[in-house]
Amino acid sequence: GKRRRRRRRRRRRRRRRRRRRRRMEKEKEKKKKKKKKKKKKKKKKKKKKERKKERKTERKKGEFGEYDEDDHRGTVVPQDGKRQTFARIRISDFVS
């Protein structure tokens, strides 16, 4: 008797509460204003000359290995087997 009735009542109450809370949350969401999406800026493509210049400065910094300015033979040496970054290195460095 009594116990079952009580349990049922409690369950019903809980369900009602849950429903009410969910409904309130949904209404809140609706009331919130939508944020305006920011437009992405398009990246400008660089000209060949600019790209070349950039690479040269990077090389000087040593990101592509040592750069020998007075060696214009352009001997290509892979630095590490995984990532093939190329650098101009004098052959005499290896032969010694």
PDB file of N, CA and C in Angstrom:
ATOM      1  N   GLY A   1       0.629  -1.204   0.000  1.00  0.00           N
ATOM      2  CA  GLY A   1       0.000   0.000   0.000  1.00  0.00           C
ATOM      3  C   GLY A   1       0.689   1.319   0.000  1.00  0.00           C
ATOM      4  N   LYS A   2       0.914   1.832   1.231  1.00  0.00           N
ATOM      5  CA  LYS A   2       1.333   3.234   1.325  1.00  0.00           C
ATOM      6  C   LYS A   2       2.692   3.456   0.658  1.00  0.00           C
ATOM      7  N   ARG A   3       3.631   2.542   0.905  1.00  0.00           N
ATOM      8  CA  ARG A   3       4.994   2.759   0.443  1.00  0.00           C
ATOM      9  C   ARG A   3       5.030   2.976  -1.078  1.00  0.00           C
ATOM     10  N   ARG A   4       4.320   2.100  -1.793  1.00  0.00           N
ATOM     11  CA  ARG A   4       4.338   2.161  -3.246  1.00  0.00           C
ATOM     12  C   ARG A   4       3.795   3.507  -3.730  1.00  0.00           C
ATOM     13  N   ARG A   5       2.698   3.925  -3.094  1.00  0.00           N
ATOM     14  CA  ARG A   5       2.075   5.172  -3.504  1.00  0.00           C
ATOM     15  C   ARG A   5       3.058   6.342  -3.330  1.00  0.00           C
ATOM     16  N   ARG A   6       3.732   6.324  -2.185  1.00  0.00           N
ATOM     17  CA  ARG A   6       4.662   7.395  -1.869  1.00  0.00           C
ATOM     18  C   ARG A   6       5.782   7.447  -2.926  1.00  0.00           C
ATOM     19  N   ARG A   7       6.310   6.259  -3.257  1.00  0.00           N
ATOM     20  CA  ARG A   7       7.394   6.192  -4.210  1.00  0.00           C
ATOM     21  C   ARG A   7       6.955   6.764  -5.560  1.00  0.00           C
ATOM     22  N   ARG A   8       5.744   6.379  -5.959  1.00  0.00           N
ATOM     23  CA  ARG A   8       5.240   6.836  -7.247  1.00  0.00           C
ATOM     24  C   ARG A   8       5.132   8.350  -7.262  1.00  0.00           C
ATOM     25  N   ARG A   9       4.635   8.897  -6.142  1.00  0.00           N
ATOM     26  CA  ARG A   9       4.437  10.336  -6.063  1.00  0.00           C
ATOM     27  C   ARG A   9       5.789  11.051  -6.190  1.00  0.00           C
ATOM     28  N   ARG A  10       6.778  10.499  -5.488  1.00  0.00           N
ATOM     29  CA  ARG A  10       8.100  11.112  -5.482  1.00  0.00           C
ATOM     30  C   ARG A  10       8.683  11.118  -6.899  1.00  0.00           C
ATOM     31  N   ARG A  11       8.504   9.976  -7.577  1.00  0.00           N
ATOM     32  CA  ARG A  11       9.048   9.846  -8.918  1.00  0.00           C
ATOM     33  C   ARG A  11       8.405  10.874  -9.853  1.00  0.00           C
ATOM     34  N   ARG A  12       7.094  11.001  -9.699  1.00  0.00           N
ATOM     35  CA  ARG A  12       6.358  11.923 -10.557  1.00  0.00           C
ATOM     36  C   ARG A  12       6.849  13.355 -10.335  1.00  0.00           C
ATOM     37  N   ARG A  13       7.039  13.684  -9.045  1.00  0.00           N
ATOM     38  CA  ARG A  13       7.464  15.026  -8.694  1.00  0.00           C
ATOM     39  C   ARG A  13       8.832  15.316  -9.323  1.00  0.00           C
ATOM     40  N   ARG A  14       9.723  14.314  -9.209  1.00  0.00           N
ATOM     41  CA  ARG A  14      11.075  14.482  -9.729  1.00  0.00           C
ATOM     42  C   ARG A  14      11.031  14.725 -11.234  1.00  0.00           C
ATOM     43  N   ARG A  15      10.193  13.916 -11.900  1.00  0.00           N
ATOM     44  CA  ARG A  15      10.093  14.027 -13.342  1.00  0.00           C
ATOM     45  C   ARG A  15       9.595  15.418 -13.734  1.00  0.00           C
ATOM     46  N   ARG A  16       8.586  15.877 -12.984  1.00  0.00           N
ATOM     47  CA  ARG A  16       8.011  17.184 -13.285  1.00  0.00           C
ATOM     48  C   ARG A  16       9.067  18.276 -13.136  1.00  0.00           C
ATOM     49  N   ARG A  17       9.829  18.170 -12.043  1.00  0.00           N
ATOM     50  CA  ARG A  17      10.860  19.159 -11.770  1.00  0.00           C
ATOM     51  C   ARG A  17      11.879  19.200 -12.907  1.00  0.00           C
ATOM     52  N   ARG A  18      12.281  17.978 -13.314  1.00  0.00           N
ATOM     53  CA  ARG A  18      13.284  17.878 -14.376  1.00  0.00           C
ATOM     54  C   ARG A  18      12.771  18.538 -15.649  1.00  0.00           C
ATOM     55  N   ARG A  19      11.498  18.223 -15.965  1.00  0.00           N
ATOM     56  CA  ARG A  19      10.913  18.773 -17.182  1.00  0.00           C
ATOM     57  C   ARG A  19      10.889  20.290 -17.136  1.00  0.00           C
ATOM     58  N   ARG A  20      10.481  20.810 -15.970  1.00  0.00           N
ATOM     59  CA  ARG A  20      10.360  22.255 -15.821  1.00  0.00           C
ATOM     60  C   ARG A  20      11.731  22.908 -16.020  1.00  0.00           C
ATOM     61  N   ARG A  21      12.748  22.301 -15.385  1.00  0.00           N
ATOM     62  CA  ARG A  21      14.093  22.865 -15.475  1.00  0.00           C
ATOM     63  C   ARG A  21      14.564  22.888 -16.928  1.00  0.00           C
ATOM     64  N   ARG A  22      14.315  21.772 -17.624  1.00  0.00           N
ATOM     65  CA  ARG A  22      14.741  21.681 -19.018  1.00  0.00           C
ATOM     66  C   ARG A  22      14.069  22.760 -19.864  1.00  0.00           C
ATOM     67  N   ARG A  23      12.765  22.944 -19.609  1.00  0.00           N
ATOM     68  CA  ARG A  23      12.003  23.923 -20.373  1.00  0.00           C
ATOM     69  C   ARG A  23      12.569  25.324 -20.140  1.00  0.00           C
ATOM     70  N   MET A  24      12.877  25.623 -18.865  1.00  0.00           N
ATOM     71  CA  MET A  24      13.415  26.937 -18.522  1.00  0.00           C
ATOM     72  C   MET A  24      14.745  27.165 -19.256  1.00  0.00           C
ATOM     73  N   GLU A  25      15.592  26.114 -19.256  1.00  0.00           N
ATOM     74  CA  GLU A  25      16.889  26.246 -19.914  1.00  0.00           C
ATOM     75  C   GLU A  25      16.716  26.527 -21.401  1.00  0.00           C
ATOM     76  N   LYS A  26      15.769  25.823 -22.025  1.00  0.00           N
ATOM     77  CA  LYS A  26      15.539  26.015 -23.452  1.00  0.00           C
ATOM     78  C   LYS A  26      15.094  27.445 -23.729  1.00  0.00           C
ATOM     79  N   GLU A  27      14.205  27.951 -22.895  1.00  0.00           N
ATOM     80  CA  GLU A  27      13.720  29.315 -23.094  1.00  0.00           C
ATOM     81  C   GLU A  27      14.855  30.319 -22.943  1.00  0.00           C
ATOM     82  N   LYS A  28      15.708  30.077 -21.947  1.00  0.00           N
ATOM     83  CA  LYS A  28      16.859  30.959 -21.740  1.00  0.00           C
ATOM     84  C   LYS A  28      17.721  30.982 -22.986  1.00  0.00           C
ATOM     85  N   GLU A  29      17.969  29.788 -23.550  1.00  0.00           N
ATOM     86  CA  GLU A  29      18.804  29.682 -24.753  1.00  0.00           C
ATOM     87  C   GLU A  29      18.199  30.511 -25.879  1.00  0.00           C
ATOM     88  N   LYS A  30      16.870  30.404 -26.018  1.00  0.00           N
ATOM     89  CA  LYS A  30      16.200  31.142 -27.081  1.00  0.00           C
ATOM     90  C   LYS A  30      16.370  32.645 -26.881  1.00  0.00           C
ATOM     91  N   LYS A  31      16.268  33.077 -25.627  1.00  0.00           N
ATOM     92  CA  LYS A  31      16.342  34.503 -25.337  1.00  0.00           C
ATOM     93  C   LYS A  31      17.730  35.063 -25.627  1.00  0.00           C
ATOM     94  N   LYS A  32      18.756  34.225 -25.450  1.00  0.00           N
ATOM     95  CA  LYS A  32      20.128  34.699 -25.690  1.00  0.00           C
ATOM     96  C   LYS A  32      20.255  35.127 -27.147  1.00  0.00           C
ATOM     97  N   LYS A  33      20.915  36.277 -27.347  1.00  0.00           N
ATOM     98  CA  LYS A  33      21.109  36.748 -28.719  1.00  0.00           C
ATOM     99  C   LYS A  33      22.226  35.959 -29.372  1.00  0.00           C
ATOM    100  N   LYS A  34      22.074  35.763 -30.677  1.00  0.00           N
ATOM    101  CA  LYS A  34      23.114  35.044 -31.410  1.00  0.00           C
ATOM    102  C   LYS A  34      24.299  35.970 -31.631  1.00  0.00           C
ATOM    103  N   LYS A  35      25.511  35.408 -31.451  1.00  0.00           N
ATOM    104  CA  LYS A  35      26.716  36.204 -31.667  1.00  0.00           C
ATOM    105  C   LYS A  35      26.986  36.301 -33.156  1.00  0.00           C
ATOM    106  N   LYS A  36      27.454  37.472 -33.562  1.00  0.00           N
ATOM    107  CA  LYS A  36      27.780  37.654 -34.969  1.00  0.00           C
ATOM    108  C   LYS A  36      29.113  36.982 -35.248  1.00  0.00           C
ATOM    109  N   LYS A  37      29.167  36.261 -36.378  1.00  0.00           N
ATOM    110  CA  LYS A  37      30.394  35.556 -36.724  1.00  0.00           C
ATOM    111  C   LYS A  37      31.380  36.527 -37.360  1.00  0.00           C
ATOM    112  N   LYS A  38      32.640  36.415 -36.941  1.00  0.00           N
ATOM    113  CA  LYS A  38      33.664  37.293 -37.489  1.00  0.00           C
ATOM    114  C   LYS A  38      34.121  36.742 -38.828  1.00  0.00           C
ATOM    115  N   LYS A  39      34.324  37.651 -39.769  1.00  0.00           N
ATOM    116  CA  LYS A  39      34.782  37.228 -41.087  1.00  0.00           C
ATOM    117  C   LYS A  39      36.281  36.993 -41.040  1.00  0.00           C
ATOM    118  N   LYS A  40      36.708  35.902 -41.709  1.00  0.00           N
ATOM    119  CA  LYS A  40      38.128  35.586 -41.749  1.00  0.00           C
ATOM    120  C   LYS A  40      38.795  36.409 -42.834  1.00  0.00           C
ATOM    121  N   LYS A  41      39.974  36.929 -42.492  1.00  0.00           N
ATOM    122  CA  LYS A  41      40.717  37.712 -43.474  1.00  0.00           C
ATOM    123  C   LYS A  41      41.435  36.771 -44.426  1.00  0.00           C
ATOM    124  N   LYS A  42      41.377  37.101 -45.706  1.00  0.00           N
ATOM    125  CA  LYS A  42      42.033  36.260 -46.700  1.00  0.00           C
ATOM    126  C   LYS A  42      43.515  36.589 -46.732  1.00  0.00           C
ATOM    127  N   LYS A  43      44.337  35.523 -46.799  1.00  0.00           N
ATOM    128  CA  LYS A  43      45.778  35.713 -46.828  1.00  0.00           C
ATOM    129  C   LYS A  43      46.211  36.088 -48.241  1.00  0.00           C
ATOM    130  N   LYS A  44      47.065  37.097 -48.310  1.00  0.00           N
ATOM    131  CA  LYS A  44      47.546  37.550 -49.608  1.00  0.00           C
ATOM    132  C   LYS A  44      48.649  36.622 -50.085  1.00  0.00           C
ATOM    133  N   LYS A  45      48.562  36.251 -51.358  1.00  0.00           N
ATOM    134  CA  LYS A  45      49.585  35.374 -51.919  1.00  0.00           C
ATOM    135  C   LYS A  45      50.833  36.198 -52.219  1.00  0.00           C
ATOM    136  N   LYS A  46      51.990  35.620 -51.848  1.00  0.00           N
ATOM    137  CA  LYS A  46      53.238  36.341 -52.061  1.00  0.00           C
ATOM    138  C   LYS A  46      53.746  36.115 -53.473  1.00  0.00           C
ATOM    139  N   LYS A  47      54.434  37.119 -53.992  1.00  0.00           N
ATOM    140  CA  LYS A  47      55.055  36.985 -55.311  1.00  0.00           C
ATOM    141  C   LYS A  47      56.304  36.131 -55.172  1.00  0.00           C
ATOM    142  N   LYS A  48      56.710  35.580 -56.326  1.00  0.00           N
ATOM    143  CA  LYS A  48      57.844  34.662 -56.332  1.00  0.00           C
ATOM    144  C   LYS A  48      59.091  35.333 -55.748  1.00  0.00           C
ATOM    145  N   LYS A  49      59.312  36.587 -56.136  1.00  0.00           N
ATOM    146  CA  LYS A  49      60.498  37.303 -55.665  1.00  0.00           C
ATOM    147  C   LYS A  49      60.498  37.375 -54.141  1.00  0.00           C
ATOM    148  N   GLU A  50      59.352  37.717 -53.580  1.00  0.00           N
ATOM    149  CA  GLU A  50      59.252  37.840 -52.113  1.00  0.00           C
ATOM    150  C   GLU A  50      59.540  36.520 -51.432  1.00  0.00           C
ATOM    151  N   ARG A  51      58.966  35.445 -51.988  1.00  0.00           N
ATOM    152  CA  ARG A  51      59.170  34.122 -51.394  1.00  0.00           C
ATOM    153  C   ARG A  51      60.648  33.761 -51.395  1.00  0.00           C
ATOM    154  N   LYS A  52      61.289  34.052 -52.538  1.00  0.00           N
ATOM    155  CA  LYS A  52      62.704  33.737 -52.674  1.00  0.00           C
ATOM    156  C   LYS A  52      63.522  34.480 -51.619  1.00  0.00           C
ATOM    157  N   LYS A  53      63.206  35.761 -51.477  1.00  0.00           N
ATOM    158  CA  LYS A  53      63.912  36.611 -50.520  1.00  0.00           C
ATOM    159  C   LYS A  53      63.757  36.041 -49.110  1.00  0.00           C
ATOM    160  N   GLU A  54      62.542  35.652 -48.786  1.00  0.00           N
ATOM    161  CA  GLU A  54      62.261  35.119 -47.459  1.00  0.00           C
ATOM    162  C   GLU A  54      63.092  33.877 -47.187  1.00  0.00           C
ATOM    163  N   ARG A  55      63.139  33.003 -48.164  1.00  0.00           N
ATOM    164  CA  ARG A  55      63.902  31.768 -47.988  1.00  0.00           C
ATOM    165  C   ARG A  55      65.368  32.082 -47.722  1.00  0.00           C
ATOM    166  N   LYS A  56      65.865  33.091 -48.458  1.00  0.00           N
ATOM    167  CA  LYS A  56      67.275  33.441 -48.310  1.00  0.00           C
ATOM    168  C   LYS A  56      67.547  33.896 -46.880  1.00  0.00           C
ATOM    169  N   THR A  57      66.667  34.757 -46.357  1.00  0.00           N
ATOM    170  CA  THR A  57      66.880  35.253 -44.995  1.00  0.00           C
ATOM    171  C   THR A  57      66.768  34.111 -44.002  1.00  0.00           C
ATOM    172  N   GLU A  58      65.838  33.186 -44.264  1.00  0.00           N
ATOM    173  CA  GLU A  58      65.691  32.037 -43.359  1.00  0.00           C
ATOM    174  C   GLU A  58      66.958  31.218 -43.351  1.00  0.00           C
ATOM    175  N   ARG A  59      67.518  31.025 -44.545  1.00  0.00           N
ATOM    176  CA  ARG A  59      68.740  30.249 -44.661  1.00  0.00           C
ATOM    177  C   ARG A  59      69.857  30.914 -43.873  1.00  0.00           C
ATOM    178  N   LYS A  60      69.919  32.237 -43.982  1.00  0.00           N
ATOM    179  CA  LYS A  60      70.977  32.960 -43.281  1.00  0.00           C
ATOM    180  C   LYS A  60      70.843  32.753 -41.790  1.00  0.00           C
ATOM    181  N   LYS A  61      69.590  32.671 -41.331  1.00  0.00           N
ATOM    182  CA  LYS A  61      69.359  32.457 -39.898  1.00  0.00           C
ATOM    183  C   LYS A  61      69.799  31.066 -39.501  1.00  0.00           C
ATOM    184  N   GLY A  62      69.861  30.166 -40.486  1.00  0.00           N
ATOM    185  CA  GLY A  62      70.319  28.810 -40.193  1.00  0.00           C
ATOM    186  C   GLY A  62      69.189  27.843 -39.963  1.00  0.00           C
ATOM    187  N   GLU A  63      67.982  28.169 -40.445  1.00  0.00           N
ATOM    188  CA  GLU A  63      66.876  27.237 -40.259  1.00  0.00           C
ATOM    189  C   GLU A  63      66.990  26.065 -41.216  1.00  0.00           C
ATOM    190  N   PHE A  64      67.740  26.275 -42.327  1.00  0.00           N
ATOM    191  CA  PHE A  64      67.920  25.195 -43.285  1.00  0.00           C
ATOM    192  C   PHE A  64      69.356  24.681 -43.231  1.00  0.00           C
ATOM    193  N   GLY A  65      69.995  24.768 -42.101  1.00  0.00           N
ATOM    194  CA  GLY A  65      71.381  24.347 -41.981  1.00  0.00           C
ATOM    195  C   GLY A  65      72.300  25.525 -42.261  1.00  0.00           C
ATOM    196  N   GLU A  66      73.604  25.300 -42.226  1.00  0.00           N
ATOM    197  CA  GLU A  66      74.535  26.406 -42.418  1.00  0.00           C
ATOM    198  C   GLU A  66      74.410  26.923 -43.833  1.00  0.00           C
ATOM    199  N   TYR A  67      74.508  28.214 -43.964  1.00  0.00           N
ATOM    200  CA  TYR A  67      74.406  28.816 -45.279  1.00  0.00           C
ATOM    201  C   TYR A  67      75.723  29.503 -45.572  1.00  0.00           C
ATOM    202  N   ASP A  68      76.338  29.094 -46.673  1.00  0.00           N
ATOM    203  CA  ASP A  68      77.623  29.680 -47.036  1.00  0.00           C
ATOM    204  C   ASP A  68      77.379  30.685 -48.136  1.00  0.00           C
ATOM    205  N   GLU A  69      77.603  31.950 -47.826  1.00  0.00           N
ATOM    206  CA  GLU A  69      77.230  32.974 -48.790  1.00  0.00           C
ATOM    207  C   GLU A  69      78.130  32.989 -50.014  1.00  0.00           C
ATOM    208  N   ASP A  70      79.420  32.658 -49.849  1.00  0.00           N
ATOM    209  CA  ASP A  70      80.298  32.746 -51.011  1.00  0.00           C
ATOM    210  C   ASP A  70      80.369  31.430 -51.776  1.00  0.00           C
ATOM    211  N   ASP A  71      79.469  30.489 -51.458  1.00  0.00           N
ATOM    212  CA  ASP A  71      79.427  29.235 -52.202  1.00  0.00           C
ATOM    213  C   ASP A  71      78.145  29.227 -53.005  1.00  0.00           C
ATOM    214  N   HIS A  72      78.267  29.352 -54.322  1.00  0.00           N
ATOM    215  CA  HIS A  72      77.050  29.436 -55.133  1.00  0.00           C
ATOM    216  C   HIS A  72      76.847  28.186 -55.962  1.00  0.00           C
ATOM    217  N   ARG A  73      77.511  27.112 -55.574  1.00  0.00           N
ATOM    218  CA  ARG A  73      77.308  25.871 -56.335  1.00  0.00           C
ATOM    219  C   ARG A  73      75.963  25.232 -55.976  1.00  0.00           C
ATOM    220  N   GLY A  74      75.461  25.543 -54.791  1.00  0.00           N
ATOM    221  CA  GLY A  74      74.157  25.023 -54.394  1.00  0.00           C
ATOM    222  C   GLY A  74      74.167  23.525 -54.238  1.00  0.00           C
ATOM    223  N   THR A  75      75.160  22.983 -53.580  1.00  0.00           N
ATOM    224  CA  THR A  75      75.180  21.549 -53.351  1.00  0.00           C
ATOM    225  C   THR A  75      74.069  21.235 -52.366  1.00  0.00           C
ATOM    226  N   VAL A  76      73.241  20.276 -52.734  1.00  0.00           N
ATOM    227  CA  VAL A  76      72.069  19.960 -51.922  1.00  0.00           C
ATOM    228  C   VAL A  76      72.405  18.796 -51.019  1.00  0.00           C
ATOM    229  N   VAL A  77      72.235  19.000 -49.714  1.00  0.00           N
ATOM    230  CA  VAL A  77      72.538  17.949 -48.760  1.00  0.00           C
ATOM    231  C   VAL A  77      71.327  17.750 -47.858  1.00  0.00           C
ATOM    232  N   PRO A  78      70.727  16.552 -47.858  1.00  0.00           N
ATOM    233  CA  PRO A  78      69.613  16.325 -46.938  1.00  0.00           C
ATOM    234  C   PRO A  78      70.131  16.303 -45.513  1.00  0.00           C
ATOM    235  N   GLN A  79      69.425  17.011 -44.617  1.00  0.00           N
ATOM    236  CA  GLN A  79      69.955  17.134 -43.256  1.00  0.00           C
ATOM    237  C   GLN A  79      69.603  15.957 -42.383  1.00  0.00           C
ATOM    238  N   ASP A  80      68.305  15.588 -42.401  1.00  0.00           N
ATOM    239  CA  ASP A  80      67.948  14.397 -41.633  1.00  0.00           C
ATOM    240  C   ASP A  80      66.999  13.595 -42.508  1.00  0.00           C
ATOM    241  N   GLY A  81      67.089  12.292 -42.397  1.00  0.00           N
ATOM    242  CA  GLY A  81      66.326  11.412 -43.275  1.00  0.00           C
ATOM    243  C   GLY A  81      64.831  11.649 -43.188  1.00  0.00           C
ATOM    244  N   LYS A  82      64.348  12.040 -42.002  1.00  0.00           N
ATOM    245  CA  LYS A  82      62.903  12.198 -41.830  1.00  0.00           C
ATOM    246  C   LYS A  82      62.389  13.386 -42.622  1.00  0.00           C
ATOM    247  N   ARG A  83      62.805  14.577 -42.211  1.00  0.00           N
ATOM    248  CA  ARG A  83      62.330  15.776 -42.873  1.00  0.00           C
ATOM    249  C   ARG A  83      63.432  16.215 -43.795  1.00  0.00           C
ATOM    250  N   GLN A  84      63.152  16.325 -45.081  1.00  0.00           N
ATOM    251  CA  GLN A  84      64.229  16.674 -45.985  1.00  0.00           C
ATOM    252  C   GLN A  84      64.290  18.174 -46.150  1.00  0.00           C
ATOM    253  N   THR A  85      65.005  18.795 -45.242  1.00  0.00           N
ATOM    254  CA  THR A  85      65.250  20.227 -45.403  1.00  0.00           C
ATOM    255  C   THR A  85      66.598  20.322 -46.074  1.00  0.00           C
ATOM    256  N   PHE A  86      66.685  21.183 -47.067  1.00  0.00           N
ATOM    257  CA  PHE A  86      67.909  21.229 -47.839  1.00  0.00           C
ATOM    258  C   PHE A  86      68.719  22.459 -47.480  1.00  0.00           C
ATOM    259  N   ALA A  87      70.030  22.299 -47.538  1.00  0.00           N
ATOM    260  CA  ALA A  87      70.889  23.424 -47.218  1.00  0.00           C
ATOM    261  C   ALA A  87      72.058  23.426 -48.185  1.00  0.00           C
ATOM    262  N   ARG A  88      72.599  24.614 -48.372  1.00  0.00           N
ATOM    263  CA  ARG A  88      73.810  24.683 -49.190  1.00  0.00           C
ATOM    264  C   ARG A  88      74.972  24.562 -48.233  1.00  0.00           C
ATOM    265  N   ILE A  89      75.742  23.509 -48.409  1.00  0.00           N
ATOM    266  CA  ILE A  89      76.884  23.289 -47.529  1.00  0.00           C
ATOM    267  C   ILE A  89      78.085  22.965 -48.418  1.00  0.00           C
ATOM    268  N   ARG A  90      79.210  23.463 -48.055  1.00  0.00           N
ATOM    269  CA  ARG A  90      80.405  23.160 -48.839  1.00  0.00           C
ATOM    270  C   ARG A  90      80.739  21.692 -48.732  1.00  0.00           C
ATOM    271  N   ILE A  91      81.132  21.100 -49.842  1.00  0.00           N
ATOM    272  CA  ILE A  91      81.457  19.678 -49.829  1.00  0.00           C
ATOM    273  C   ILE A  91      82.682  19.446 -48.950  1.00  0.00           C
ATOM    274  N   SER A  92      83.575  20.402 -48.938  1.00  0.00           N
ATOM    275  CA  SER A  92      84.824  20.240 -48.171  1.00  0.00           C
ATOM    276  C   SER A  92      84.542  19.998 -46.690  1.00  0.00           C
ATOM    277  N   ASP A  93      83.333  20.380 -46.234  1.00  0.00           N
ATOM    278  CA  ASP A  93      83.007  20.151 -44.822  1.00  0.00           C
ATOM    279  C   ASP A  93      82.937  18.658 -44.537  1.00  0.00           C
ATOM    280  N   PHE A  94      82.543  17.893 -45.532  1.00  0.00           N
ATOM    281  CA  PHE A  94      82.365  16.461 -45.307  1.00  0.00           C
ATOM    282  C   PHE A  94      83.616  15.673 -45.634  1.00  0.00           C
ATOM    283  N   VAL A  95      84.390  16.176 -46.607  1.00  0.00           N
ATOM    284  CA  VAL A  95      85.525  15.401 -47.072  1.00  0.00           C
ATOM    285  C   VAL A  95      86.663  15.436 -46.077  1.00  0.00           C
ATOM    286  N   SER A  96      86.988  16.609 -45.578  1.00  0.00           N
ATOM    287  CA  SER A  96      88.134  16.889 -44.698  1.00  0.00           C
ATOM    288  C   SER A  96      89.078  15.719 -44.469  1.00  0.00           C
TER     289      SER A  96
END
